[in-house]
Amino acid sequence: MSTDPREALDAFLEAVREHYAASAHRNGDQDPRVEAAYMALADAFEIYEDAIYTAFDEVTPFELFDDVEDAKDDDEFLLDDDDEDD
């Protein structure tokens, strides 16, 4: 099923707004509203990226991390690359 890229963009932007609102009014480190907004934002982004690729063969410059370990692995890789330049 293909999604209209404009509709996906609108949904993605709304998810960004919701994430901002939840973050601005967070109630502690484990605020369930922030966590839900985070997941909704990630889902909306993936739908948008798929729609824009399907419609226009275009991608975004962004990458989602599945979890903290993936981010940590990428940070370590980047640090290793910096060492090679010295």
PDB file of N, CA and C in Angstrom:
ATOM      1  N   MET A   1       0.837  -1.177   0.000  1.00  0.00           N
ATOM      2  CA  MET A   1       0.000   0.000   0.000  1.00  0.00           C
ATOM      3  C   MET A   1       0.880   1.238   0.000  1.00  0.00           C
ATOM      4  N   SER A   2       0.633   2.107  -0.930  1.00  0.00           N
ATOM      5  CA  SER A   2       1.420   3.327  -1.059  1.00  0.00           C
ATOM      6  C   SER A   2       0.698   4.488  -0.381  1.00  0.00           C
ATOM      7  N   THR A   3       1.473   5.332   0.268  1.00  0.00           N
ATOM      8  CA  THR A   3       0.928   6.498   0.957  1.00  0.00           C
ATOM      9  C   THR A   3       1.263   7.752   0.164  1.00  0.00           C
ATOM     10  N   ASP A   4       0.313   8.662   0.061  1.00  0.00           N
ATOM     11  CA  ASP A   4       0.557   9.939  -0.595  1.00  0.00           C
ATOM     12  C   ASP A   4       1.641  10.685   0.178  1.00  0.00           C
ATOM     13  N   PRO A   5       2.717  11.124  -0.481  1.00  0.00           N
ATOM     14  CA  PRO A   5       3.814  11.783   0.226  1.00  0.00           C
ATOM     15  C   PRO A   5       3.377  13.060   0.959  1.00  0.00           C
ATOM     16  N   ARG A   6       2.424  13.792   0.414  1.00  0.00           N
ATOM     17  CA  ARG A   6       1.957  15.022   1.056  1.00  0.00           C
ATOM     18  C   ARG A   6       1.228  14.701   2.363  1.00  0.00           C
ATOM     19  N   GLU A   7       0.412  13.659   2.328  1.00  0.00           N
ATOM     20  CA  GLU A   7      -0.282  13.239   3.545  1.00  0.00           C
ATOM     21  C   GLU A   7       0.714  12.729   4.581  1.00  0.00           C
ATOM     22  N   ALA A   8       1.717  11.985   4.125  1.00  0.00           N
ATOM     23  CA  ALA A   8       2.746  11.479   5.035  1.00  0.00           C
ATOM     24  C   ALA A   8       3.537  12.636   5.641  1.00  0.00           C
ATOM     25  N   LEU A   9       3.824  13.650   4.835  1.00  0.00           N
ATOM     26  CA  LEU A   9       4.529  14.834   5.339  1.00  0.00           C
ATOM     27  C   LEU A   9       3.699  15.544   6.401  1.00  0.00           C
ATOM     28  N   ASP A  10       2.426  15.741   6.126  1.00  0.00           N
ATOM     29  CA  ASP A  10       1.552  16.403   7.100  1.00  0.00           C
ATOM     30  C   ASP A  10       1.492  15.622   8.415  1.00  0.00           C
ATOM     31  N   ALA A  11       1.398  14.305   8.325  1.00  0.00           N
ATOM     32  CA  ALA A  11       1.358  13.470   9.527  1.00  0.00           C
ATOM     33  C   ALA A  11       2.695  13.536  10.270  1.00  0.00           C
ATOM     34  N   PHE A  12       3.789  13.543   9.527  1.00  0.00           N
ATOM     35  CA  PHE A  12       5.117  13.642  10.138  1.00  0.00           C
ATOM     36  C   PHE A  12       5.276  14.978  10.872  1.00  0.00           C
ATOM     37  N   LEU A  13       4.867  16.068  10.226  1.00  0.00           N
ATOM     38  CA  LEU A  13       4.982  17.384  10.873  1.00  0.00           C
ATOM     39  C   LEU A  13       4.105  17.474  12.118  1.00  0.00           C
ATOM     40  N   GLU A  14       2.935  16.868  12.068  1.00  0.00           N
ATOM     41  CA  GLU A  14       2.079  16.843  13.255  1.00  0.00           C
ATOM     42  C   GLU A  14       2.739  16.040  14.374  1.00  0.00           C
ATOM     43  N   ALA A  15       3.391  14.947  14.023  1.00  0.00           N
ATOM     44  CA  ALA A  15       4.101  14.142  15.021  1.00  0.00           C
ATOM     45  C   ALA A  15       5.261  14.932  15.626  1.00  0.00           C
ATOM     46  N   VAL A  16       5.935  15.739  14.831  1.00  0.00           N
ATOM     47  CA  VAL A  16       7.006  16.599  15.353  1.00  0.00           C
ATOM     48  C   VAL A  16       6.415  17.582  16.362  1.00  0.00           C
ATOM     49  N   ARG A  17       5.300  18.185  16.024  1.00  0.00           N
ATOM     50  CA  ARG A  17       4.639  19.138  16.941  1.00  0.00           C
ATOM     51  C   ARG A  17       4.213  18.461  18.249  1.00  0.00           C
ATOM     52  N   GLU A  18       3.652  17.263  18.130  1.00  0.00           N
ATOM     53  CA  GLU A  18       3.226  16.524  19.323  1.00  0.00           C
ATOM     54  C   GLU A  18       4.426  16.158  20.198  1.00  0.00           C
ATOM     55  N   HIS A  19       5.509  15.763  19.573  1.00  0.00           N
ATOM     56  CA  HIS A  19       6.714  15.422  20.325  1.00  0.00           C
ATOM     57  C   HIS A  19       7.254  16.657  21.043  1.00  0.00           C
ATOM     58  N   TYR A  20       7.252  17.780  20.361  1.00  0.00           N
ATOM     59  CA  TYR A  20       7.699  19.027  20.979  1.00  0.00           C
ATOM     60  C   TYR A  20       6.827  19.374  22.193  1.00  0.00           C
ATOM     61  N   ALA A  21       5.517  19.312  22.013  1.00  0.00           N
ATOM     62  CA  ALA A  21       4.594  19.644  23.105  1.00  0.00           C
ATOM     63  C   ALA A  21       4.794  18.711  24.293  1.00  0.00           C
ATOM     64  N   ALA A  22       4.933  17.428  24.019  1.00  0.00           N
ATOM     65  CA  ALA A  22       5.141  16.470  25.107  1.00  0.00           C
ATOM     66  C   ALA A  22       6.469  16.724  25.805  1.00  0.00           C
ATOM     67  N   SER A  23       7.498  17.023  25.040  1.00  0.00           N
ATOM     68  CA  SER A  23       8.818  17.282  25.620  1.00  0.00           C
ATOM     69  C   SER A  23       8.816  18.553  26.456  1.00  0.00           C
ATOM     70  N   ALA A  24       8.132  19.565  25.979  1.00  0.00           N
ATOM     71  CA  ALA A  24       8.089  20.847  26.688  1.00  0.00           C
ATOM     72  C   ALA A  24       7.320  20.755  28.003  1.00  0.00           C
ATOM     73  N   HIS A  25       6.462  19.762  28.123  1.00  0.00           N
ATOM     74  CA  HIS A  25       5.652  19.609  29.334  1.00  0.00           C
ATOM     75  C   HIS A  25       5.881  18.266  30.017  1.00  0.00           C
ATOM     76  N   ARG A  26       7.085  17.742  29.876  1.00  0.00           N
ATOM     77  CA  ARG A  26       7.380  16.423  30.430  1.00  0.00           C
ATOM     78  C   ARG A  26       7.251  16.420  31.945  1.00  0.00           C
ATOM     79  N   ASN A  27       6.869  15.261  32.467  1.00  0.00           N
ATOM     80  CA  ASN A  27       6.718  15.051  33.915  1.00  0.00           C
ATOM     81  C   ASN A  27       7.719  14.008  34.376  1.00  0.00           C
ATOM     82  N   GLY A  28       9.003  14.292  34.269  1.00  0.00           N
ATOM     83  CA  GLY A  28      10.030  13.362  34.708  1.00  0.00           C
ATOM     84  C   GLY A  28      10.696  12.653  33.546  1.00  0.00           C
ATOM     85  N   ASP A  29      11.709  11.862  33.899  1.00  0.00           N
ATOM     86  CA  ASP A  29      12.523  11.183  32.889  1.00  0.00           C
ATOM     87  C   ASP A  29      11.771  10.107  32.126  1.00  0.00           C
ATOM     88  N   GLN A  30      10.804   9.483  32.719  1.00  0.00           N
ATOM     89  CA  GLN A  30      10.078   8.375  32.095  1.00  0.00           C
ATOM     90  C   GLN A  30       8.633   8.759  31.770  1.00  0.00           C
ATOM     91  N   ASP A  31       8.417   9.993  31.352  1.00  0.00           N
ATOM     92  CA  ASP A  31       7.069  10.466  31.050  1.00  0.00           C
ATOM     93  C   ASP A  31       6.470   9.640  29.900  1.00  0.00           C
ATOM     94  N   PRO A  32       5.377   8.928  30.136  1.00  0.00           N
ATOM     95  CA  PRO A  32       4.809   8.082  29.090  1.00  0.00           C
ATOM     96  C   PRO A  32       4.315   8.878  27.880  1.00  0.00           C
ATOM     97  N   ARG A  33       3.918  10.119  28.092  1.00  0.00           N
ATOM     98  CA  ARG A  33       3.469  10.943  26.963  1.00  0.00           C
ATOM     99  C   ARG A  33       4.631  11.244  26.029  1.00  0.00           C
ATOM    100  N   VAL A  34       5.797  11.506  26.592  1.00  0.00           N
ATOM    101  CA  VAL A  34       6.983  11.776  25.773  1.00  0.00           C
ATOM    102  C   VAL A  34       7.400  10.506  25.038  1.00  0.00           C
ATOM    103  N   GLU A  35       7.394   9.393  25.726  1.00  0.00           N
ATOM    104  CA  GLU A  35       7.766   8.130  25.092  1.00  0.00           C
ATOM    105  C   GLU A  35       6.809   7.782  23.948  1.00  0.00           C
ATOM    106  N   ALA A  36       5.514   7.993  24.148  1.00  0.00           N
ATOM    107  CA  ALA A  36       4.530   7.715  23.101  1.00  0.00           C
ATOM    108  C   ALA A  36       4.727   8.666  21.916  1.00  0.00           C
ATOM    109  N   ALA A  37       4.997   9.928  22.209  1.00  0.00           N
ATOM    110  CA  ALA A  37       5.226  10.904  21.138  1.00  0.00           C
ATOM    111  C   ALA A  37       6.495  10.576  20.366  1.00  0.00           C
ATOM    112  N   TYR A  38       7.510  10.097  21.067  1.00  0.00           N
ATOM    113  CA  TYR A  38       8.765   9.689  20.428  1.00  0.00           C
ATOM    114  C   TYR A  38       8.515   8.554  19.441  1.00  0.00           C
ATOM    115  N   MET A  39       7.780   7.555  19.881  1.00  0.00           N
ATOM    116  CA  MET A  39       7.498   6.402  19.018  1.00  0.00           C
ATOM    117  C   MET A  39       6.616   6.811  17.838  1.00  0.00           C
ATOM    118  N   ALA A  40       5.639   7.673  18.087  1.00  0.00           N
ATOM    119  CA  ALA A  40       4.773   8.140  17.004  1.00  0.00           C
ATOM    120  C   ALA A  40       5.575   8.946  15.982  1.00  0.00           C
ATOM    121  N   LEU A  41       6.517   9.725  16.460  1.00  0.00           N
ATOM    122  CA  LEU A  41       7.381  10.503  15.567  1.00  0.00           C
ATOM    123  C   LEU A  41       8.240   9.574  14.713  1.00  0.00           C
ATOM    124  N   ALA A  42       8.827   8.567  15.320  1.00  0.00           N
ATOM    125  CA  ALA A  42       9.649   7.615  14.575  1.00  0.00           C
ATOM    126  C   ALA A  42       8.809   6.889  13.521  1.00  0.00           C
ATOM    127  N   ASP A  43       7.616   6.473  13.895  1.00  0.00           N
ATOM    128  CA  ASP A  43       6.741   5.785  12.936  1.00  0.00           C
ATOM    129  C   ASP A  43       6.343   6.705  11.788  1.00  0.00           C
ATOM    130  N   ALA A  44       5.972   7.943  12.110  1.00  0.00           N
ATOM    131  CA  ALA A  44       5.568   8.898  11.076  1.00  0.00           C
ATOM    132  C   ALA A  44       6.729   9.207  10.134  1.00  0.00           C
ATOM    133  N   PHE A  45       7.934   9.291  10.682  1.00  0.00           N
ATOM    134  CA  PHE A  45       9.101   9.527   9.839  1.00  0.00           C
ATOM    135  C   PHE A  45       9.304   8.376   8.861  1.00  0.00           C
ATOM    136  N   GLU A  46       9.222   7.159   9.340  1.00  0.00           N
ATOM    137  CA  GLU A  46       9.426   6.000   8.460  1.00  0.00           C
ATOM    138  C   GLU A  46       8.383   5.957   7.345  1.00  0.00           C
ATOM    139  N   ILE A  47       7.148   6.284   7.670  1.00  0.00           N
ATOM    140  CA  ILE A  47       6.089   6.320   6.657  1.00  0.00           C
ATOM    141  C   ILE A  47       6.379   7.415   5.634  1.00  0.00           C
ATOM    142  N   TYR A  48       6.784   8.583   6.126  1.00  0.00           N
ATOM    143  CA  TYR A  48       7.121   9.679   5.213  1.00  0.00           C
ATOM    144  C   TYR A  48       8.292   9.304   4.309  1.00  0.00           C
ATOM    145  N   GLU A  49       9.337   8.747   4.896  1.00  0.00           N
ATOM    146  CA  GLU A  49      10.504   8.410   4.090  1.00  0.00           C
ATOM    147  C   GLU A  49      10.158   7.356   3.032  1.00  0.00           C
ATOM    148  N   ASP A  50       9.359   6.386   3.394  1.00  0.00           N
ATOM    149  CA  ASP A  50       8.935   5.377   2.431  1.00  0.00           C
ATOM    150  C   ASP A  50       8.091   6.009   1.322  1.00  0.00           C
ATOM    151  N   ALA A  51       7.196   6.918   1.694  1.00  0.00           N
ATOM    152  CA  ALA A  51       6.320   7.558   0.703  1.00  0.00           C
ATOM    153  C   ALA A  51       7.110   8.430  -0.266  1.00  0.00           C
ATOM    154  N   ILE A  52       8.069   9.175   0.235  1.00  0.00           N
ATOM    155  CA  ILE A  52       8.837  10.065  -0.631  1.00  0.00           C
ATOM    156  C   ILE A  52       9.773   9.260  -1.538  1.00  0.00           C
ATOM    157  N   TYR A  53      10.252   8.124  -1.033  1.00  0.00           N
ATOM    158  CA  TYR A  53      11.091   7.263  -1.862  1.00  0.00           C
ATOM    159  C   TYR A  53      10.257   6.599  -2.959  1.00  0.00           C
ATOM    160  N   THR A  54       9.085   6.113  -2.584  1.00  0.00           N
ATOM    161  CA  THR A  54       8.214   5.447  -3.552  1.00  0.00           C
ATOM    162  C   THR A  54       7.759   6.411  -4.642  1.00  0.00           C
ATOM    163  N   ALA A  55       7.397   7.623  -4.248  1.00  0.00           N
ATOM    164  CA  ALA A  55       6.865   8.587  -5.213  1.00  0.00           C
ATOM    165  C   ALA A  55       7.945   9.250  -6.061  1.00  0.00           C
ATOM    166  N   PHE A  56       9.084   9.574  -5.435  1.00  0.00           N
ATOM    167  CA  PHE A  56      10.074  10.402  -6.121  1.00  0.00           C
ATOM    168  C   PHE A  56      11.478   9.800  -6.166  1.00  0.00           C
ATOM    169  N   ASP A  57      11.633   8.580  -5.654  1.00  0.00           N
ATOM    170  CA  ASP A  57      12.950   7.947  -5.590  1.00  0.00           C
ATOM    171  C   ASP A  57      13.942   8.840  -4.833  1.00  0.00           C
ATOM    172  N   GLU A  58      13.466   9.406  -3.728  1.00  0.00           N
ATOM    173  CA  GLU A  58      14.256  10.341  -2.918  1.00  0.00           C
ATOM    174  C   GLU A  58      14.310   9.850  -1.481  1.00  0.00           C
ATOM    175  N   VAL A  59      15.401  10.171  -0.798  1.00  0.00           N
ATOM    176  CA  VAL A  59      15.574   9.811   0.607  1.00  0.00           C
ATOM    177  C   VAL A  59      15.856  11.065   1.422  1.00  0.00           C
ATOM    178  N   THR A  60      15.794  10.909   2.728  1.00  0.00           N
ATOM    179  CA  THR A  60      16.132  12.020   3.629  1.00  0.00           C
ATOM    180  C   THR A  60      17.544  11.797   4.174  1.00  0.00           C
ATOM    181  N   PRO A  61      18.133  12.828   4.764  1.00  0.00           N
ATOM    182  CA  PRO A  61      19.475  12.663   5.326  1.00  0.00           C
ATOM    183  C   PRO A  61      19.459  12.155   6.767  1.00  0.00           C
ATOM    184  N   PHE A  62      18.332  11.601   7.205  1.00  0.00           N
ATOM    185  CA  PHE A  62      18.187  11.188   8.595  1.00  0.00           C
ATOM    186  C   PHE A  62      18.188   9.682   8.740  1.00  0.00           C
ATOM    187  N   GLU A  63      18.592   9.230   9.919  1.00  0.00           N
ATOM    188  CA  GLU A  63      18.607   7.804  10.222  1.00  0.00           C
ATOM    189  C   GLU A  63      18.034   7.603  11.614  1.00  0.00           C
ATOM    190  N   LEU A  64      17.144   6.614  11.767  1.00  0.00           N
ATOM    191  CA  LEU A  64      16.592   6.286  13.069  1.00  0.00           C
ATOM    192  C   LEU A  64      17.441   5.206  13.715  1.00  0.00           C
ATOM    193  N   PHE A  65      17.636   5.323  14.995  1.00  0.00           N
ATOM    194  CA  PHE A  65      18.333   4.293  15.754  1.00  0.00           C
ATOM    195  C   PHE A  65      17.301   3.386  16.395  1.00  0.00           C
ATOM    196  N   ASP A  66      17.555   2.080  16.311  1.00  0.00           N
ATOM    197  CA  ASP A  66      16.623   1.130  16.908  1.00  0.00           C
ATOM    198  C   ASP A  66      16.656   1.193  18.422  1.00  0.00           C
ATOM    199  N   ASP A  67      17.840   1.447  18.965  1.00  0.00           N
ATOM    200  CA  ASP A  67      17.962   1.575  20.410  1.00  0.00           C
ATOM    201  C   ASP A  67      19.270   2.287  20.747  1.00  0.00           C
ATOM    202  N   VAL A  68      19.513   2.455  22.014  1.00  0.00           N
ATOM    203  CA  VAL A  68      20.687   3.179  22.480  1.00  0.00           C
ATOM    204  C   VAL A  68      21.976   2.470  22.067  1.00  0.00           C
ATOM    205  N   GLU A  69      21.973   1.156  22.047  1.00  0.00           N
ATOM    206  CA  GLU A  69      23.183   0.408  21.676  1.00  0.00           C
ATOM    207  C   GLU A  69      23.593   0.694  20.241  1.00  0.00           C
ATOM    208  N   ASP A  70      22.627   0.811  19.324  1.00  0.00           N
ATOM    209  CA  ASP A  70      22.955   1.149  17.942  1.00  0.00           C
ATOM    210  C   ASP A  70      23.614   2.522  17.875  1.00  0.00           C
ATOM    211  N   ALA A  71      23.088   3.458  18.632  1.00  0.00           N
ATOM    212  CA  ALA A  71      23.660   4.799  18.648  1.00  0.00           C
ATOM    213  C   ALA A  71      25.069   4.768  19.221  1.00  0.00           C
ATOM    214  N   LYS A  72      25.246   3.986  20.273  1.00  0.00           N
ATOM    215  CA  LYS A  72      26.565   3.881  20.896  1.00  0.00           C
ATOM    216  C   LYS A  72      27.565   3.249  19.918  1.00  0.00           C
ATOM    217  N   ASP A  73      27.143   2.204  19.205  1.00  0.00           N
ATOM    218  CA  ASP A  73      28.014   1.565  18.219  1.00  0.00           C
ATOM    219  C   ASP A  73      28.428   2.552  17.131  1.00  0.00           C
ATOM    220  N   ASP A  74      27.481   3.357  16.654  1.00  0.00           N
ATOM    221  CA  ASP A  74      27.798   4.337  15.620  1.00  0.00           C
ATOM    222  C   ASP A  74      28.746   5.410  16.149  1.00  0.00           C
ATOM    223  N   ASP A  75      28.543   5.850  17.390  1.00  0.00           N
ATOM    224  CA  ASP A  75      29.444   6.843  17.981  1.00  0.00           C
ATOM    225  C   ASP A  75      30.856   6.292  18.078  1.00  0.00           C
ATOM    226  N   GLU A  76      30.979   5.036  18.486  1.00  0.00           N
ATOM    227  CA  GLU A  76      32.305   4.424  18.590  1.00  0.00           C
ATOM    228  C   GLU A  76      32.952   4.313  17.216  1.00  0.00           C
ATOM    229  N   PHE A  77      32.171   3.981  16.190  1.00  0.00           N
ATOM    230  CA  PHE A  77      32.689   3.896  14.832  1.00  0.00           C
ATOM    231  C   PHE A  77      33.198   5.255  14.371  1.00  0.00           C
ATOM    232  N   LEU A  78      32.424   6.309  14.651  1.00  0.00           N
ATOM    233  CA  LEU A  78      32.843   7.650  14.257  1.00  0.00           C
ATOM    234  C   LEU A  78      34.122   8.061  14.975  1.00  0.00           C
ATOM    235  N   LEU A  79      34.232   7.712  16.247  1.00  0.00           N
ATOM    236  CA  LEU A  79      35.445   8.040  16.991  1.00  0.00           C
ATOM    237  C   LEU A  79      36.640   7.291  16.430  1.00  0.00           C
ATOM    238  N   ASP A  80      36.433   6.027  16.037  1.00  0.00           N
ATOM    239  CA  ASP A  80      37.520   5.255  15.433  1.00  0.00           C
ATOM    240  C   ASP A  80      37.977   5.887  14.124  1.00  0.00           C
ATOM    241  N   ASP A  81      37.054   6.389  13.323  1.00  0.00           N
ATOM    242  CA  ASP A  81      37.395   7.052  12.061  1.00  0.00           C
ATOM    243  C   ASP A  81      38.199   8.319  12.312  1.00  0.00           C
ATOM    244  N   ASP A  82      37.853   9.064  13.361  1.00  0.00           N
ATOM    245  CA  ASP A  82      38.592  10.281  13.688  1.00  0.00           C
ATOM    246  C   ASP A  82      40.026   9.979  14.056  1.00  0.00           C
ATOM    247  N   ASP A  83      40.257   8.848  14.713  1.00  0.00           N
ATOM    248  CA  ASP A  83      41.613   8.459  15.109  1.00  0.00           C
ATOM    249  C   ASP A  83      42.504   8.215  13.902  1.00  0.00           C
ATOM    250  N   GLU A  84      41.924   7.725  12.818  1.00  0.00           N
ATOM    251  CA  GLU A  84      42.703   7.423  11.610  1.00  0.00           C
ATOM    252  C   GLU A  84      43.242   8.675  10.953  1.00  0.00           C
ATOM    253  N   ASP A  85      42.583   9.817  11.157  1.00  0.00           N
ATOM    254  CA  ASP A  85      43.018  11.064  10.545  1.00  0.00           C
ATOM    255  C   ASP A  85      44.237  11.659  11.220  1.00  0.00           C
ATOM    256  N   ASP A  86      44.530  11.219  12.440  1.00  0.00           N
ATOM    257  CA  ASP A  86      45.646  11.797  13.195  1.00  0.00           C
ATOM    258  C   ASP A  86      46.981  11.329  12.717  1.00  0.00           C
TER     259      ASP A  86
END
